[in-house]
Amino acid sequence: MAHGEPLTGEVLVARARELQPLVRAHAERAEAERTLPRELASALARAGLFRIAAAASCGGAESDPRSQILAIEAISEEVLIGSEVCRQT
């Protein structure tokens, strides 16, 4: 992940897609512990994904809603943490 580029919606969605293997690798542990593993949280933070909706004046990406949804979708595409909620309905 190159981090010198501006935080645009497209960049953040691409970074989210790059993190899919790491998300998959930590999914079982996250589900069992009901928390985001530190390694995964750190990777998401380094990728700028925790700042996707924050205002630019606060150091955020101020991404549009579509980019935010696409980034969330990319992270959760193959792994649904808390998926038992879906199974109960």
C-alpha atoms as a PDB file:
ATOM      1  CA  MET A   1       0.000   0.000   0.000  1.00  0.00           C
ATOM      2  CA  ALA A   2       1.460   3.308  -1.039  1.00  0.00           C
ATOM      3  CA  HIS A   3       0.509   5.933   1.477  1.00  0.00           C
ATOM      4  CA  GLY A   4       1.890   9.059  -0.164  1.00  0.00           C
ATOM      5  CA  GLU A   5      -1.172   9.453  -2.358  1.00  0.00           C
ATOM      6  CA  PRO A   6      -4.128  11.673  -1.418  1.00  0.00           C
ATOM      7  CA  LEU A   7      -6.962   9.925   0.421  1.00  0.00           C
ATOM      8  CA  THR A   8      -9.594   9.807  -2.298  1.00  0.00           C
ATOM      9  CA  GLY A   9     -12.571   7.479  -2.267  1.00  0.00           C
ATOM     10  CA  GLU A  10     -11.009   5.376  -5.016  1.00  0.00           C
ATOM     11  CA  VAL A  11      -7.738   5.019  -3.091  1.00  0.00           C
ATOM     12  CA  LEU A  12      -9.551   3.991   0.098  1.00  0.00           C
ATOM     13  CA  VAL A  13     -11.702   1.432  -1.718  1.00  0.00           C
ATOM     14  CA  ALA A  14      -8.560  -0.038  -3.296  1.00  0.00           C
ATOM     15  CA  ARG A  15      -6.865  -0.179   0.110  1.00  0.00           C
ATOM     16  CA  ALA A  16      -9.923  -1.907   1.574  1.00  0.00           C
ATOM     17  CA  ARG A  17      -9.741  -4.528  -1.183  1.00  0.00           C
ATOM     18  CA  GLU A  18      -6.033  -5.052  -0.480  1.00  0.00           C
ATOM     19  CA  LEU A  19      -6.909  -5.829   3.150  1.00  0.00           C
ATOM     20  CA  GLN A  20      -9.408  -8.588   2.308  1.00  0.00           C
ATOM     21  CA  PRO A  21      -6.934 -11.440   2.962  1.00  0.00           C
ATOM     22  CA  LEU A  22      -6.043  -9.978   6.363  1.00  0.00           C
ATOM     23  CA  VAL A  23      -9.725  -9.541   7.232  1.00  0.00           C
ATOM     24  CA  ARG A  24     -10.371 -13.156   6.236  1.00  0.00           C
ATOM     25  CA  ALA A  25      -7.416 -14.343   8.307  1.00  0.00           C
ATOM     26  CA  HIS A  26      -8.747 -12.622  11.447  1.00  0.00           C
ATOM     27  CA  ALA A  27     -12.472 -13.266  10.956  1.00  0.00           C
ATOM     28  CA  GLU A  28     -12.760 -16.340  13.127  1.00  0.00           C
ATOM     29  CA  ARG A  29     -10.845 -14.745  15.989  1.00  0.00           C
ATOM     30  CA  ALA A  30     -12.872 -11.522  15.700  1.00  0.00           C
ATOM     31  CA  GLU A  31     -16.089 -13.507  15.864  1.00  0.00           C
ATOM     32  CA  ALA A  32     -14.942 -15.613  18.827  1.00  0.00           C
ATOM     33  CA  GLU A  33     -13.648 -12.644  20.813  1.00  0.00           C
ATOM     34  CA  ARG A  34     -16.387 -10.246  19.667  1.00  0.00           C
ATOM     35  CA  THR A  35     -13.783  -7.574  19.056  1.00  0.00           C
ATOM     36  CA  LEU A  36     -11.555  -6.362  16.272  1.00  0.00           C
ATOM     37  CA  PRO A  37      -8.090  -7.922  16.646  1.00  0.00           C
ATOM     38  CA  ARG A  38      -5.376  -5.334  17.243  1.00  0.00           C
ATOM     39  CA  GLU A  39      -3.458  -6.367  14.100  1.00  0.00           C
ATOM     40  CA  LEU A  40      -6.491  -5.834  11.911  1.00  0.00           C
ATOM     41  CA  ALA A  41      -7.442  -2.551  13.590  1.00  0.00           C
ATOM     42  CA  SER A  42      -3.895  -1.275  13.070  1.00  0.00           C
ATOM     43  CA  ALA A  43      -3.946  -2.239   9.387  1.00  0.00           C
ATOM     44  CA  LEU A  44      -7.302  -0.521   8.868  1.00  0.00           C
ATOM     45  CA  ALA A  45      -5.973   2.605  10.596  1.00  0.00           C
ATOM     46  CA  ARG A  46      -2.737   2.622   8.553  1.00  0.00           C
ATOM     47  CA  ALA A  47      -4.834   2.315   5.389  1.00  0.00           C
ATOM     48  CA  GLY A  48      -6.782   5.439   6.406  1.00  0.00           C
ATOM     49  CA  LEU A  49     -10.096   3.614   6.548  1.00  0.00           C
ATOM     50  CA  PHE A  50     -11.021   4.923   9.995  1.00  0.00           C
ATOM     51  CA  ARG A  51     -10.834   8.438   8.528  1.00  0.00           C
ATOM     52  CA  ILE A  52     -12.917   7.739   5.435  1.00  0.00           C
ATOM     53  CA  ALA A  53     -15.869   9.874   6.555  1.00  0.00           C
ATOM     54  CA  ALA A  54     -14.027  12.447   8.687  1.00  0.00           C
ATOM     55  CA  ALA A  55     -13.856  16.012   7.473  1.00  0.00           C
ATOM     56  CA  ALA A  56     -10.741  17.011   5.563  1.00  0.00           C
ATOM     57  CA  SER A  57     -10.240  19.860   8.045  1.00  0.00           C
ATOM     58  CA  CYS A  58      -9.812  17.179  10.735  1.00  0.00           C
ATOM     59  CA  GLY A  59      -7.353  15.099   8.695  1.00  0.00           C
ATOM     60  CA  GLY A  60      -9.978  12.854   7.178  1.00  0.00           C
ATOM     61  CA  ALA A  61     -10.696  11.802   3.632  1.00  0.00           C
ATOM     62  CA  GLU A  62     -14.184  13.325   3.565  1.00  0.00           C
ATOM     63  CA  SER A  63     -15.172  10.608   1.092  1.00  0.00           C
ATOM     64  CA  ASP A  64     -18.527  10.583  -0.581  1.00  0.00           C
ATOM     65  CA  PRO A  65     -21.156   8.114   0.692  1.00  0.00           C
ATOM     66  CA  ARG A  66     -20.752   5.832  -2.334  1.00  0.00           C
ATOM     67  CA  SER A  67     -17.021   5.405  -1.680  1.00  0.00           C
ATOM     68  CA  GLN A  68     -17.695   4.770   1.994  1.00  0.00           C
ATOM     69  CA  ILE A  69     -20.184   2.023   1.137  1.00  0.00           C
ATOM     70  CA  LEU A  70     -17.847   0.473  -1.447  1.00  0.00           C
ATOM     71  CA  ALA A  71     -15.006   0.379   1.096  1.00  0.00           C
ATOM     72  CA  ILE A  72     -17.249  -1.247   3.708  1.00  0.00           C
ATOM     73  CA  GLU A  73     -18.466  -3.720   1.105  1.00  0.00           C
ATOM     74  CA  ALA A  74     -14.881  -4.572   0.115  1.00  0.00           C
ATOM     75  CA  ILE A  75     -13.949  -5.301   3.728  1.00  0.00           C
ATOM     76  CA  SER A  76     -17.033  -7.410   4.377  1.00  0.00           C
ATOM     77  CA  GLU A  77     -17.368  -9.050   0.957  1.00  0.00           C
ATOM     78  CA  GLU A  78     -16.328 -12.543   1.957  1.00  0.00           C
ATOM     79  CA  VAL A  79     -16.443 -12.324   5.722  1.00  0.00           C
ATOM     80  CA  LEU A  80     -19.513 -11.344   7.676  1.00  0.00           C
ATOM     81  CA  ILE A  81     -18.490 -10.785  11.285  1.00  0.00           C
ATOM     82  CA  GLY A  82     -21.595 -11.203  13.391  1.00  0.00           C
ATOM     83  CA  SER A  83     -23.307 -13.108  10.595  1.00  0.00           C
ATOM     84  CA  GLU A  84     -25.485 -15.078  13.030  1.00  0.00           C
ATOM     85  CA  VAL A  85     -27.706 -11.990  13.138  1.00  0.00           C
ATOM     86  CA  CYS A  86     -28.472 -12.570   9.461  1.00  0.00           C
ATOM     87  CA  ARG A  87     -29.178 -16.248  10.049  1.00  0.00           C
ATOM     88  CA  GLN A  88     -31.714 -15.500  12.801  1.00  0.00           C
ATOM     89  CA  THR A  89     -33.958 -13.408  10.562  1.00  0.00           C
END
